[in-house]
mmCIF file of all heavy atoms, coordinates in Angstrom:
data_MODEL
# 
_entry.id   MODEL 
# 
loop_
_atom_site.group_PDB 
_atom_site.id 
_atom_site.type_symbol 
_atom_site.label_atom_id 
_atom_site.label_alt_id 
_atom_site.label_comp_id 
_atom_site.label_asym_id 
_atom_site.label_entity_id 
_atom_site.label_seq_id 
_atom_site.pdbx_PDB_ins_code 
_atom_site.Cartn_x 
_atom_site.Cartn_y 
_atom_site.Cartn_z 
_atom_site.occupancy 
_atom_site.B_iso_or_equiv 
_atom_site.pdbx_formal_charge 
_atom_site.auth_seq_id 
_atom_site.auth_comp_id 
_atom_site.auth_asym_id 
_atom_site.auth_atom_id 
_atom_site.pdbx_PDB_model_num 
ATOM 1   N N   . LEU A 1 1  ? 47.959 25.355 -64.891 1.00 0.00 ? 1  LEU A N   1 
ATOM 2   C CA  . LEU A 1 1  ? 48.734 26.094 -63.846 1.00 0.00 ? 1  LEU A CA  1 
ATOM 3   C C   . LEU A 1 1  ? 49.598 27.254 -64.464 1.00 0.00 ? 1  LEU A C   1 
ATOM 4   O O   . LEU A 1 1  ? 49.608 28.376 -63.916 1.00 0.00 ? 1  LEU A O   1 
ATOM 5   C CB  . LEU A 1 1  ? 49.474 25.212 -62.985 1.00 0.00 ? 1  LEU A CB  1 
ATOM 6   C CG  . LEU A 1 1  ? 48.722 24.157 -62.149 1.00 0.00 ? 1  LEU A CG  1 
ATOM 7   C CD1 . LEU A 1 1  ? 49.742 23.384 -61.381 1.00 0.00 ? 1  LEU A CD1 1 
ATOM 8   C CD2 . LEU A 1 1  ? 47.829 24.837 -61.238 1.00 0.00 ? 1  LEU A CD2 1 
ATOM 9   N N   . ALA A 1 2  ? 50.340 26.884 -65.472 1.00 0.00 ? 2  ALA A N   1 
ATOM 10  C CA  . ALA A 1 2  ? 51.267 27.844 -66.108 1.00 0.00 ? 2  ALA A CA  1 
ATOM 11  C C   . ALA A 1 2  ? 50.512 29.130 -66.675 1.00 0.00 ? 2  ALA A C   1 
ATOM 12  O O   . ALA A 1 2  ? 50.865 30.306 -66.400 1.00 0.00 ? 2  ALA A O   1 
ATOM 13  C CB  . ALA A 1 2  ? 52.140 27.247 -67.152 1.00 0.00 ? 2  ALA A CB  1 
ATOM 14  N N   . GLU A 1 3  ? 49.451 28.792 -67.420 1.00 0.00 ? 3  GLU A N   1 
ATOM 15  C CA  . GLU A 1 3  ? 48.617 29.852 -67.972 1.00 0.00 ? 3  GLU A CA  1 
ATOM 16  C C   . GLU A 1 3  ? 47.954 30.724 -66.816 1.00 0.00 ? 3  GLU A C   1 
ATOM 17  O O   . GLU A 1 3  ? 47.794 32.011 -66.897 1.00 0.00 ? 3  GLU A O   1 
ATOM 18  C CB  . GLU A 1 3  ? 47.588 29.361 -68.911 1.00 0.00 ? 3  GLU A CB  1 
ATOM 19  C CG  . GLU A 1 3  ? 46.560 30.242 -69.433 1.00 0.00 ? 3  GLU A CG  1 
ATOM 20  C CD  . GLU A 1 3  ? 47.238 31.292 -70.323 1.00 0.00 ? 3  GLU A CD  1 
ATOM 21  O OE1 . GLU A 1 3  ? 48.502 31.228 -70.732 1.00 0.00 ? 3  GLU A OE1 1 
ATOM 22  O OE2 . GLU A 1 3  ? 46.485 32.363 -70.766 1.00 0.00 ? 3  GLU A OE2 1 
ATOM 23  N N   . SER A 1 4  ? 47.498 30.082 -65.709 1.00 0.00 ? 4  SER A N   1 
ATOM 24  C CA  . SER A 1 4  ? 46.839 30.731 -64.695 1.00 0.00 ? 4  SER A CA  1 
ATOM 25  C C   . SER A 1 4  ? 47.762 31.685 -63.975 1.00 0.00 ? 4  SER A C   1 
ATOM 26  O O   . SER A 1 4  ? 47.514 32.721 -63.433 1.00 0.00 ? 4  SER A O   1 
ATOM 27  C CB  . SER A 1 4  ? 46.225 29.729 -63.659 1.00 0.00 ? 4  SER A CB  1 
ATOM 28  O OG  . SER A 1 4  ? 45.271 28.942 -64.359 1.00 0.00 ? 4  SER A OG  1 
ATOM 29  N N   . SER A 1 5  ? 49.073 31.193 -63.747 1.00 0.00 ? 5  SER A N   1 
ATOM 30  C CA  . SER A 1 5  ? 50.065 31.999 -63.157 1.00 0.00 ? 5  SER A CA  1 
ATOM 31  C C   . SER A 1 5  ? 50.343 33.305 -63.956 1.00 0.00 ? 5  SER A C   1 
ATOM 32  O O   . SER A 1 5  ? 50.640 34.500 -63.516 1.00 0.00 ? 5  SER A O   1 
ATOM 33  C CB  . SER A 1 5  ? 51.333 31.215 -62.883 1.00 0.00 ? 5  SER A CB  1 
ATOM 34  O OG  . SER A 1 5  ? 51.004 30.120 -62.037 1.00 0.00 ? 5  SER A OG  1 
ATOM 35  N N   . ARG A 1 6  ? 50.418 33.028 -65.375 1.00 0.00 ? 6  ARG A N   1 
ATOM 36  C CA  . ARG A 1 6  ? 50.698 34.142 -66.303 1.00 0.00 ? 6  ARG A CA  1 
ATOM 37  C C   . ARG A 1 6  ? 49.582 35.112 -66.360 1.00 0.00 ? 6  ARG A C   1 
ATOM 38  O O   . ARG A 1 6  ? 49.742 36.358 -66.289 1.00 0.00 ? 6  ARG A O   1 
ATOM 39  C CB  . ARG A 1 6  ? 50.981 33.590 -67.635 1.00 0.00 ? 6  ARG A CB  1 
ATOM 40  C CG  . ARG A 1 6  ? 51.321 34.686 -68.648 1.00 0.00 ? 6  ARG A CG  1 
ATOM 41  C CD  . ARG A 1 6  ? 51.310 34.134 -70.171 1.00 0.00 ? 6  ARG A CD  1 
ATOM 42  N NE  . ARG A 1 6  ? 49.870 33.916 -70.585 1.00 0.00 ? 6  ARG A NE  1 
ATOM 43  C CZ  . ARG A 1 6  ? 49.124 34.963 -71.209 1.00 0.00 ? 6  ARG A CZ  1 
ATOM 44  N NH1 . ARG A 1 6  ? 49.645 36.138 -71.150 1.00 0.00 ? 6  ARG A NH1 1 
ATOM 45  N NH2 . ARG A 1 6  ? 47.868 34.696 -71.488 1.00 0.00 ? 6  ARG A NH2 1 
ATOM 46  N N   . LEU A 1 7  ? 48.351 34.646 -66.394 1.00 0.00 ? 7  LEU A N   1 
ATOM 47  C CA  . LEU A 1 7  ? 47.118 35.543 -66.590 1.00 0.00 ? 7  LEU A CA  1 
ATOM 48  C C   . LEU A 1 7  ? 46.314 35.381 -65.300 1.00 0.00 ? 7  LEU A C   1 
ATOM 49  O O   . LEU A 1 7  ? 45.147 35.021 -65.302 1.00 0.00 ? 7  LEU A O   1 
ATOM 50  C CB  . LEU A 1 7  ? 46.399 35.168 -67.717 1.00 0.00 ? 7  LEU A CB  1 
ATOM 51  C CG  . LEU A 1 7  ? 45.244 36.149 -68.243 1.00 0.00 ? 7  LEU A CG  1 
ATOM 52  C CD1 . LEU A 1 7  ? 45.855 37.496 -68.590 1.00 0.00 ? 7  LEU A CD1 1 
ATOM 53  C CD2 . LEU A 1 7  ? 44.448 35.507 -69.360 1.00 0.00 ? 7  LEU A CD2 1 
ATOM 54  N N   . ALA A 1 8  ? 46.892 35.795 -64.108 1.00 0.00 ? 8  ALA A N   1 
ATOM 55  C CA  . ALA A 1 8  ? 46.308 35.663 -62.760 1.00 0.00 ? 8  ALA A CA  1 
ATOM 56  C C   . ALA A 1 8  ? 44.957 36.450 -62.671 1.00 0.00 ? 8  ALA A C   1 
ATOM 57  O O   . ALA A 1 8  ? 44.041 36.064 -62.040 1.00 0.00 ? 8  ALA A O   1 
ATOM 58  C CB  . ALA A 1 8  ? 47.192 36.106 -61.696 1.00 0.00 ? 8  ALA A CB  1 
ATOM 59  N N   . ALA A 1 9  ? 44.858 37.646 -63.410 1.00 0.00 ? 9  ALA A N   1 
ATOM 60  C CA  . ALA A 1 9  ? 43.632 38.416 -63.353 1.00 0.00 ? 9  ALA A CA  1 
ATOM 61  C C   . ALA A 1 9  ? 42.546 37.751 -63.892 1.00 0.00 ? 9  ALA A C   1 
ATOM 62  O O   . ALA A 1 9  ? 41.329 37.920 -63.626 1.00 0.00 ? 9  ALA A O   1 
ATOM 63  C CB  . ALA A 1 9  ? 43.846 39.707 -64.114 1.00 0.00 ? 9  ALA A CB  1 
ATOM 64  N N   . GLY A 1 10 ? 42.727 36.670 -64.726 1.00 0.00 ? 10 GLY A N   1 
ATOM 65  C CA  . GLY A 1 10 ? 41.722 35.846 -65.296 1.00 0.00 ? 10 GLY A CA  1 
ATOM 66  C C   . GLY A 1 10 ? 41.053 34.915 -64.232 1.00 0.00 ? 10 GLY A C   1 
ATOM 67  O O   . GLY A 1 10 ? 39.988 34.326 -64.631 1.00 0.00 ? 10 GLY A O   1 
ATOM 68  N N   . ALA A 1 11 ? 41.646 34.736 -63.137 1.00 0.00 ? 11 ALA A N   1 
ATOM 69  C CA  . ALA A 1 11 ? 41.089 33.814 -62.100 1.00 0.00 ? 11 ALA A CA  1 
ATOM 70  C C   . ALA A 1 11 ? 40.457 34.632 -61.006 1.00 0.00 ? 11 ALA A C   1 
ATOM 71  O O   . ALA A 1 11 ? 40.292 34.101 -59.907 1.00 0.00 ? 11 ALA A O   1 
ATOM 72  C CB  . ALA A 1 11 ? 42.206 32.886 -61.594 1.00 0.00 ? 11 ALA A CB  1 
ATOM 73  N N   . VAL A 1 12 ? 40.322 35.918 -61.018 1.00 0.00 ? 12 VAL A N   1 
ATOM 74  C CA  . VAL A 1 12 ? 39.798 36.670 -59.950 1.00 0.00 ? 12 VAL A CA  1 
ATOM 75  C C   . VAL A 1 12 ? 38.478 36.290 -59.540 1.00 0.00 ? 12 VAL A C   1 
ATOM 76  O O   . VAL A 1 12 ? 38.048 36.378 -58.429 1.00 0.00 ? 12 VAL A O   1 
ATOM 77  C CB  . VAL A 1 12 ? 39.796 38.264 -60.456 1.00 0.00 ? 12 VAL A CB  1 
ATOM 78  C CG1 . VAL A 1 12 ? 38.887 39.202 -59.412 1.00 0.00 ? 12 VAL A CG1 1 
ATOM 79  C CG2 . VAL A 1 12 ? 41.184 38.735 -60.355 1.00 0.00 ? 12 VAL A CG2 1 
ATOM 80  N N   . LEU A 1 13 ? 37.636 35.843 -60.475 1.00 0.00 ? 13 LEU A N   1 
ATOM 81  C CA  . LEU A 1 13 ? 36.192 35.307 -60.169 1.00 0.00 ? 13 LEU A CA  1 
ATOM 82  C C   . LEU A 1 13 ? 36.255 33.896 -60.431 1.00 0.00 ? 13 LEU A C   1 
ATOM 83  O O   . LEU A 1 13 ? 35.231 33.234 -60.901 1.00 0.00 ? 13 LEU A O   1 
ATOM 84  C CB  . LEU A 1 13 ? 35.166 36.104 -60.893 1.00 0.00 ? 13 LEU A CB  1 
ATOM 85  C CG  . LEU A 1 13 ? 35.034 37.507 -60.366 1.00 0.00 ? 13 LEU A CG  1 
ATOM 86  C CD1 . LEU A 1 13 ? 34.016 38.220 -61.364 1.00 0.00 ? 13 LEU A CD1 1 
ATOM 87  C CD2 . LEU A 1 13 ? 34.534 37.536 -58.910 1.00 0.00 ? 13 LEU A CD2 1 
ATOM 88  N N   . SER A 1 14 ? 37.296 33.017 -60.085 1.00 0.00 ? 14 SER A N   1 
ATOM 89  C CA  . SER A 1 14 ? 37.417 31.681 -60.406 1.00 0.00 ? 14 SER A CA  1 
ATOM 90  C C   . SER A 1 14 ? 36.342 30.820 -59.747 1.00 0.00 ? 14 SER A C   1 
ATOM 91  O O   . SER A 1 14 ? 35.623 29.995 -60.365 1.00 0.00 ? 14 SER A O   1 
ATOM 92  C CB  . SER A 1 14 ? 38.834 31.246 -60.017 1.00 0.00 ? 14 SER A CB  1 
ATOM 93  O OG  . SER A 1 14 ? 38.920 29.694 -59.935 1.00 0.00 ? 14 SER A OG  1 
ATOM 94  N N   . GLY A 1 15 ? 36.129 31.054 -58.484 1.00 0.00 ? 15 GLY A N   1 
ATOM 95  C CA  . GLY A 1 15 ? 35.192 30.127 -57.639 1.00 0.00 ? 15 GLY A CA  1 
ATOM 96  C C   . GLY A 1 15 ? 33.795 30.237 -58.079 1.00 0.00 ? 15 GLY A C   1 
ATOM 97  O O   . GLY A 1 15 ? 33.235 29.126 -58.518 1.00 0.00 ? 15 GLY A O   1 
ATOM 98  N N   . PRO A 1 16 ? 33.158 31.366 -58.263 1.00 0.00 ? 16 PRO A N   1 
ATOM 99  C CA  . PRO A 1 16 ? 31.703 31.416 -58.737 1.00 0.00 ? 16 PRO A CA  1 
ATOM 100 C C   . PRO A 1 16 ? 31.514 30.842 -60.132 1.00 0.00 ? 16 PRO A C   1 
ATOM 101 O O   . PRO A 1 16 ? 30.490 30.497 -60.439 1.00 0.00 ? 16 PRO A O   1 
ATOM 102 C CB  . PRO A 1 16 ? 31.348 32.900 -58.572 1.00 0.00 ? 16 PRO A CB  1 
ATOM 103 C CG  . PRO A 1 16 ? 32.284 33.487 -57.667 1.00 0.00 ? 16 PRO A CG  1 
ATOM 104 C CD  . PRO A 1 16 ? 33.514 32.687 -57.905 1.00 0.00 ? 16 PRO A CD  1 
ATOM 105 N N   . ALA A 1 17 ? 32.628 30.826 -60.988 1.00 0.00 ? 17 ALA A N   1 
ATOM 106 C CA  . ALA A 1 17 ? 32.406 30.380 -62.363 1.00 0.00 ? 17 ALA A CA  1 
ATOM 107 C C   . ALA A 1 17 ? 32.001 29.044 -62.499 1.00 0.00 ? 17 ALA A C   1 
ATOM 108 O O   . ALA A 1 17 ? 31.332 28.542 -63.434 1.00 0.00 ? 17 ALA A O   1 
ATOM 109 C CB  . ALA A 1 17 ? 33.659 30.766 -63.150 1.00 0.00 ? 17 ALA A CB  1 
ATOM 110 N N   . GLY A 1 18 ? 32.330 28.138 -61.519 1.00 0.00 ? 18 GLY A N   1 
ATOM 111 C CA  . GLY A 1 18 ? 32.083 26.695 -61.508 1.00 0.00 ? 18 GLY A CA  1 
ATOM 112 C C   . GLY A 1 18 ? 30.569 26.572 -61.517 1.00 0.00 ? 18 GLY A C   1 
ATOM 113 O O   . GLY A 1 18 ? 30.019 25.608 -62.121 1.00 0.00 ? 18 GLY A O   1 
ATOM 114 N N   . GLY A 1 19 ? 29.984 27.362 -60.669 1.00 0.00 ? 19 GLY A N   1 
ATOM 115 C CA  . GLY A 1 19 ? 28.362 27.215 -60.601 1.00 0.00 ? 19 GLY A CA  1 
ATOM 116 C C   . GLY A 1 19 ? 27.715 27.382 -61.890 1.00 0.00 ? 19 GLY A C   1 
ATOM 117 O O   . GLY A 1 19 ? 26.624 26.829 -62.268 1.00 0.00 ? 19 GLY A O   1 
ATOM 118 N N   . ILE A 1 20 ? 28.238 28.513 -62.608 1.00 0.00 ? 20 ILE A N   1 
ATOM 119 C CA  . ILE A 1 20 ? 27.626 28.986 -63.884 1.00 0.00 ? 20 ILE A CA  1 
ATOM 120 C C   . ILE A 1 20 ? 27.810 27.820 -64.881 1.00 0.00 ? 20 ILE A C   1 
ATOM 121 O O   . ILE A 1 20 ? 26.931 27.490 -65.735 1.00 0.00 ? 20 ILE A O   1 
ATOM 122 C CB  . ILE A 1 20 ? 28.063 30.162 -64.393 1.00 0.00 ? 20 ILE A CB  1 
ATOM 123 C CG1 . ILE A 1 20 ? 28.140 31.280 -63.198 1.00 0.00 ? 20 ILE A CG1 1 
ATOM 124 C CG2 . ILE A 1 20 ? 27.300 30.785 -65.453 1.00 0.00 ? 20 ILE A CG2 1 
ATOM 125 C CD1 . ILE A 1 20 ? 26.881 31.396 -62.473 1.00 0.00 ? 20 ILE A CD1 1 
ATOM 126 N N   . ALA A 1 21 ? 29.039 27.260 -64.926 1.00 0.00 ? 21 ALA A N   1 
ATOM 127 C CA  . ALA A 1 21 ? 29.295 26.091 -65.872 1.00 0.00 ? 21 ALA A CA  1 
ATOM 128 C C   . ALA A 1 21 ? 28.255 24.909 -65.485 1.00 0.00 ? 21 ALA A C   1 
ATOM 129 O O   . ALA A 1 21 ? 27.859 24.280 -66.470 1.00 0.00 ? 21 ALA A O   1 
ATOM 130 C CB  . ALA A 1 21 ? 30.730 25.644 -65.673 1.00 0.00 ? 21 ALA A CB  1 
ATOM 131 N N   . ALA A 1 22 ? 28.024 24.717 -64.283 1.00 0.00 ? 22 ALA A N   1 
ATOM 132 C CA  . ALA A 1 22 ? 27.059 23.688 -63.822 1.00 0.00 ? 22 ALA A CA  1 
ATOM 133 C C   . ALA A 1 22 ? 25.633 23.927 -64.370 1.00 0.00 ? 22 ALA A C   1 
ATOM 134 O O   . ALA A 1 22 ? 25.007 23.160 -64.813 1.00 0.00 ? 22 ALA A O   1 
ATOM 135 C CB  . ALA A 1 22 ? 27.112 23.447 -62.384 1.00 0.00 ? 22 ALA A CB  1 
ATOM 136 N N   . ALA A 1 23 ? 25.330 25.208 -64.165 1.00 0.00 ? 23 ALA A N   1 
ATOM 137 C CA  . ALA A 1 23 ? 23.950 25.537 -64.542 1.00 0.00 ? 23 ALA A CA  1 
ATOM 138 C C   . ALA A 1 23 ? 23.710 25.417 -66.147 1.00 0.00 ? 23 ALA A C   1 
ATOM 139 O O   . ALA A 1 23 ? 22.638 25.106 -66.577 1.00 0.00 ? 23 ALA A O   1 
ATOM 140 C CB  . ALA A 1 23 ? 23.711 27.002 -64.198 1.00 0.00 ? 23 ALA A CB  1 
ATOM 141 N N   . THR A 1 24 ? 24.740 25.819 -66.880 1.00 0.00 ? 24 THR A N   1 
ATOM 142 C CA  . THR A 1 24 ? 24.725 25.586 -68.406 1.00 0.00 ? 24 THR A CA  1 
ATOM 143 C C   . THR A 1 24 ? 24.584 24.113 -68.681 1.00 0.00 ? 24 THR A C   1 
ATOM 144 O O   . THR A 1 24 ? 23.739 23.760 -69.592 1.00 0.00 ? 24 THR A O   1 
ATOM 145 C CB  . THR A 1 24 ? 26.018 26.192 -68.981 1.00 0.00 ? 24 THR A CB  1 
ATOM 146 O OG1 . THR A 1 24 ? 26.107 27.580 -68.604 1.00 0.00 ? 24 THR A OG1 1 
ATOM 147 C CG2 . THR A 1 24 ? 25.947 26.093 -70.448 1.00 0.00 ? 24 THR A CG2 1 
ATOM 148 N N   . TYR A 1 25 ? 25.309 23.268 -68.052 1.00 0.00 ? 25 TYR A N   1 
ATOM 149 C CA  . TYR A 1 25 ? 25.122 21.915 -68.205 1.00 0.00 ? 25 TYR A CA  1 
ATOM 150 C C   . TYR A 1 25 ? 23.859 21.432 -67.775 1.00 0.00 ? 25 TYR A C   1 
ATOM 151 O O   . TYR A 1 25 ? 23.130 20.595 -68.432 1.00 0.00 ? 25 TYR A O   1 
ATOM 152 C CB  . TYR A 1 25 ? 26.225 21.145 -67.474 1.00 0.00 ? 25 TYR A CB  1 
ATOM 153 C CG  . TYR A 1 25 ? 26.279 19.639 -67.691 1.00 0.00 ? 25 TYR A CG  1 
ATOM 154 C CD1 . TYR A 1 25 ? 26.264 19.033 -68.931 1.00 0.00 ? 25 TYR A CD1 1 
ATOM 155 C CD2 . TYR A 1 25 ? 26.249 18.798 -66.472 1.00 0.00 ? 25 TYR A CD2 1 
ATOM 156 C CE1 . TYR A 1 25 ? 26.214 17.664 -69.151 1.00 0.00 ? 25 TYR A CE1 1 
ATOM 157 C CE2 . TYR A 1 25 ? 26.262 17.365 -66.741 1.00 0.00 ? 25 TYR A CE2 1 
ATOM 158 C CZ  . TYR A 1 25 ? 26.176 16.821 -68.002 1.00 0.00 ? 25 TYR A CZ  1 
ATOM 159 O OH  . TYR A 1 25 ? 26.235 15.508 -68.162 1.00 0.00 ? 25 TYR A OH  1 
ATOM 160 N N   . ALA A 1 26 ? 23.193 21.974 -66.635 1.00 0.00 ? 26 ALA A N   1 
ATOM 161 C CA  . ALA A 1 26 ? 21.999 21.533 -66.081 1.00 0.00 ? 26 ALA A CA  1 
ATOM 162 C C   . ALA A 1 26 ? 20.825 21.910 -67.015 1.00 0.00 ? 26 ALA A C   1 
ATOM 163 O O   . ALA A 1 26 ? 19.858 21.238 -67.206 1.00 0.00 ? 26 ALA A O   1 
ATOM 164 C CB  . ALA A 1 26 ? 21.757 22.133 -64.754 1.00 0.00 ? 26 ALA A CB  1 
ATOM 165 N N   . ALA A 1 27 ? 21.066 23.169 -67.653 1.00 0.00 ? 27 ALA A N   1 
ATOM 166 C CA  . ALA A 1 27 ? 20.055 23.591 -68.699 1.00 0.00 ? 27 ALA A CA  1 
ATOM 167 C C   . ALA A 1 27 ? 19.813 22.533 -69.773 1.00 0.00 ? 27 ALA A C   1 
ATOM 168 O O   . ALA A 1 27 ? 18.769 22.269 -70.272 1.00 0.00 ? 27 ALA A O   1 
ATOM 169 C CB  . ALA A 1 27 ? 20.485 24.933 -69.241 1.00 0.00 ? 27 ALA A CB  1 
ATOM 170 N N   . GLU A 1 28 ? 20.901 21.932 -70.155 1.00 0.00 ? 28 GLU A N   1 
ATOM 171 C CA  . GLU A 1 28 ? 20.927 20.925 -71.203 1.00 0.00 ? 28 GLU A CA  1 
ATOM 172 C C   . GLU A 1 28 ? 20.181 19.628 -70.669 1.00 0.00 ? 28 GLU A C   1 
ATOM 173 O O   . GLU A 1 28 ? 19.269 19.096 -71.360 1.00 0.00 ? 28 GLU A O   1 
ATOM 174 C CB  . GLU A 1 28 ? 22.323 20.681 -71.680 1.00 0.00 ? 28 GLU A CB  1 
ATOM 175 C CG  . GLU A 1 28 ? 22.384 19.526 -72.687 1.00 0.00 ? 28 GLU A CG  1 
ATOM 176 C CD  . GLU A 1 28 ? 23.809 19.184 -73.152 1.00 0.00 ? 28 GLU A CD  1 
ATOM 177 O OE1 . GLU A 1 28 ? 24.772 20.045 -72.869 1.00 0.00 ? 28 GLU A OE1 1 
ATOM 178 O OE2 . GLU A 1 28 ? 24.129 18.075 -73.645 1.00 0.00 ? 28 GLU A OE2 1 
ATOM 179 N N   . LEU A 1 29 ? 20.533 19.280 -69.484 1.00 0.00 ? 29 LEU A N   1 
ATOM 180 C CA  . LEU A 1 29 ? 19.966 17.988 -68.865 1.00 0.00 ? 29 LEU A CA  1 
ATOM 181 C C   . LEU A 1 29 ? 18.441 18.238 -68.667 1.00 0.00 ? 29 LEU A C   1 
ATOM 182 O O   . LEU A 1 29 ? 17.671 17.254 -68.915 1.00 0.00 ? 29 LEU A O   1 
ATOM 183 C CB  . LEU A 1 29 ? 20.668 17.765 -67.564 1.00 0.00 ? 29 LEU A CB  1 
ATOM 184 C CG  . LEU A 1 29 ? 22.019 17.090 -67.598 1.00 0.00 ? 29 LEU A CG  1 
ATOM 185 C CD1 . LEU A 1 29 ? 22.544 16.868 -66.129 1.00 0.00 ? 29 LEU A CD1 1 
ATOM 186 C CD2 . LEU A 1 29 ? 22.010 15.708 -68.439 1.00 0.00 ? 29 LEU A CD2 1 
# 
């Protein structure tokens, strides 16, 4: 939370990033 508050611009596309993380894991599975 502290880092996200400091570097808020890094969370501008926070939501869609989870799906890509899932796809990377799915590629392995």
